[in-house]
């Protein structure tokens, strides 16, 4: 974040920062998924998620955060409350997950899926739940 110089009140921006793959840190866990965080600043979480072929995550939501994913490779299958069945996102697709929406991801493909994530909000990054939402009960 930018800071004001106490001497003259001028805004002193922070420099651009690059985070490489080997600098990513393990993010908030959900069974069946590997999240790795690149950045976390007030109101923004950014990172990636890898889902192995055949893996199915646990049911979860992202509290008051809105999540946007960009699928880089593979297939990301999502089941969520209020949707019968599932939706598949493939490489080149964007996914919008509204705040508090209980969902789970899986990978029906033959290769690991990779998605880049940006979350906006100030709630808990991930809240794992034990009960599937309707109509998945």
Protein backbone atom coordinates (compact mmCIF):
# COMPACT_ATOMS: atom_id res chain seq x y z
CA UNK A 1 0.00 0.00 0.00
CA UNK A 2 1.09 3.53 -0.61
CA UNK A 3 2.14 5.64 2.34
CA UNK A 4 2.26 9.37 2.95
CA UNK A 5 5.63 10.88 3.70
CA UNK A 6 5.31 12.57 7.12
CA UNK A 7 7.71 15.34 6.04
CA UNK A 8 5.80 16.66 3.04
CA UNK A 9 2.56 14.63 2.88
CA UNK A 10 3.43 13.28 -0.57
CA UNK A 11 2.26 9.79 -1.45
CA UNK A 12 5.14 7.32 -1.68
CA UNK A 13 3.92 4.27 -3.61
CA UNK A 14 5.33 0.84 -2.96
CA UNK A 15 7.39 -0.74 -5.73
CA UNK A 16 5.99 -3.42 -7.99
CA UNK A 17 6.47 -6.88 -6.52
CA UNK A 18 6.81 -10.16 -8.41
CA UNK A 19 6.06 -13.48 -6.71
CA UNK A 20 7.50 -16.53 -8.45
CA UNK A 21 6.07 -20.04 -8.33
CA UNK A 22 8.61 -21.19 -5.74
CA UNK A 23 7.61 -18.28 -3.47
CA UNK A 24 3.92 -19.22 -3.30
CA UNK A 25 2.82 -20.33 0.18
CA UNK A 26 0.26 -22.98 1.02
CA UNK A 27 -3.09 -21.27 1.37
CA UNK A 28 -6.28 -22.04 3.23
CA UNK A 29 -6.90 -25.79 3.06
CA UNK A 30 -9.89 -27.63 1.67
CA UNK A 31 -9.63 -31.41 1.32
CA UNK A 32 -8.93 -32.42 -2.31
CA UNK A 33 -7.39 -29.11 -3.38
CA UNK A 34 -4.01 -27.44 -3.09
CA UNK A 35 -4.33 -23.67 -2.79
CA UNK A 36 -1.19 -21.55 -2.86
CA UNK A 37 -1.22 -17.86 -2.03
CA UNK A 38 0.77 -15.24 -3.90
CA UNK A 39 -0.56 -12.07 -2.24
CA UNK A 40 -2.86 -11.12 0.57
CA UNK A 41 -3.53 -7.48 1.31
CA UNK A 42 -6.58 -5.89 2.93
CA UNK A 43 -9.53 -6.72 0.70
CA UNK A 44 -7.66 -8.92 -1.81
CA UNK A 45 -6.36 -12.51 -1.83
CA UNK A 46 -4.61 -13.83 -4.95
CA UNK A 47 -3.16 -17.22 -5.70
CA UNK A 48 -3.85 -20.48 -7.46
CA UNK A 49 -5.48 -23.84 -6.93
CA UNK A 50 -4.44 -27.22 -8.30
CA UNK A 51 -6.95 -30.07 -8.33
CA UNK A 52 -5.65 -33.54 -9.18
CA UNK A 53 -7.47 -35.77 -11.69
CA UNK A 54 -10.39 -37.51 -9.99
CA UNK A 55 -10.14 -35.33 -6.86
CA UNK A 56 -13.27 -33.89 -5.27
CA UNK A 57 -12.95 -31.09 -2.74
CA UNK A 58 -14.92 -30.76 0.45
CA UNK A 59 -17.94 -28.46 0.56
CA UNK A 60 -16.96 -24.91 1.48
CA UNK A 61 -17.66 -21.22 0.97
CA UNK A 62 -15.53 -18.11 1.13
CA UNK A 63 -17.43 -16.13 3.73
CA UNK A 64 -18.12 -12.55 2.58
CA UNK A 65 -15.45 -12.78 -0.15
CA UNK A 66 -16.29 -12.84 -3.85
CA UNK A 67 -14.03 -15.23 -5.77
CA UNK A 68 -13.06 -15.11 -9.43
CA UNK A 69 -11.09 -17.96 -10.98
CA UNK A 70 -9.40 -18.21 -14.36
CA UNK A 71 -8.85 -21.79 -15.52
CA UNK A 72 -5.35 -22.09 -16.98
CA UNK A 73 -5.43 -25.81 -17.75
CA UNK A 74 -7.67 -28.82 -17.32
CA UNK A 75 -11.28 -28.95 -16.22
CA UNK A 76 -12.68 -27.44 -13.04
CA UNK A 77 -16.11 -28.88 -12.23
CA UNK A 78 -18.24 -26.95 -9.74
CA UNK A 79 -21.29 -28.02 -7.81
CA UNK A 80 -23.08 -25.38 -5.80
CA UNK A 81 -26.21 -24.59 -3.90
CA UNK A 82 -29.20 -23.80 -6.05
CA UNK A 83 -27.81 -25.51 -9.18
CA UNK A 84 -28.92 -29.00 -10.14
CA UNK A 85 -25.93 -31.07 -11.28
CA UNK A 86 -22.72 -29.17 -12.04
CA UNK A 87 -21.01 -26.73 -14.36
CA UNK A 88 -17.64 -27.32 -16.02
CA UNK A 89 -15.06 -24.60 -16.62
CA UNK A 90 -12.26 -25.41 -19.07
CA UNK A 91 -8.99 -23.68 -19.91
CA UNK A 92 -9.70 -20.08 -20.87
CA UNK A 93 -12.89 -19.89 -18.76
CA UNK A 94 -13.58 -17.46 -15.92
CA UNK A 95 -15.68 -18.52 -12.92
CA UNK A 96 -17.51 -16.15 -10.54
CA UNK A 97 -18.33 -17.54 -7.08
CA UNK A 98 -20.54 -15.15 -5.09
CA UNK A 99 -19.91 -14.56 -1.38
CA UNK A 100 -21.32 -17.20 1.01
CA UNK A 101 -22.13 -19.63 -1.85
CA UNK A 102 -21.51 -23.19 -0.65
CA UNK A 103 -19.79 -25.18 -3.38
CA UNK A 104 -17.19 -27.81 -4.13
CA UNK A 105 -14.80 -28.36 -7.00
CA UNK A 106 -13.70 -31.54 -8.67
CA UNK A 107 -11.61 -32.57 -11.63
CA UNK A 108 -13.16 -35.10 -14.01
CA UNK A 109 -10.22 -34.80 -16.42
CA UNK A 110 -7.00 -36.77 -16.92
CA UNK A 111 -4.61 -33.96 -16.02
CA UNK A 112 -4.35 -31.75 -12.96
CA UNK A 113 -6.38 -28.59 -13.33
CA UNK A 114 -4.84 -25.22 -12.53
CA UNK A 115 -6.82 -22.07 -11.84
CA UNK A 116 -5.70 -18.60 -10.81
CA UNK A 117 -7.82 -17.09 -8.02
CA UNK A 118 -8.58 -13.53 -6.96
CA UNK A 119 -10.81 -12.97 -3.93
CA UNK A 120 -12.22 -9.63 -2.93
CA UNK A 121 -13.51 -9.00 0.57
CA UNK A 122 -12.48 -9.08 4.19
CA UNK A 123 -14.05 -12.29 5.47
CA UNK A 124 -12.40 -15.63 6.18
CA UNK A 125 -10.68 -16.97 3.06
CA UNK A 126 -12.33 -20.40 3.31
CA UNK A 127 -15.00 -21.91 5.55
CA UNK A 128 -15.26 -25.69 5.24
CA UNK A 129 -18.72 -27.13 5.88
CA UNK A 130 -19.86 -30.68 6.59
CA UNK A 131 -23.26 -30.66 4.89
CA UNK A 132 -23.95 -30.44 1.16
CA UNK A 133 -26.37 -27.66 0.19
CA UNK A 134 -29.65 -28.27 -1.61
CA UNK A 135 -30.17 -29.82 -4.13
CA UNK A 136 -27.03 -31.92 -3.45
CA UNK A 137 -28.19 -33.48 -0.17
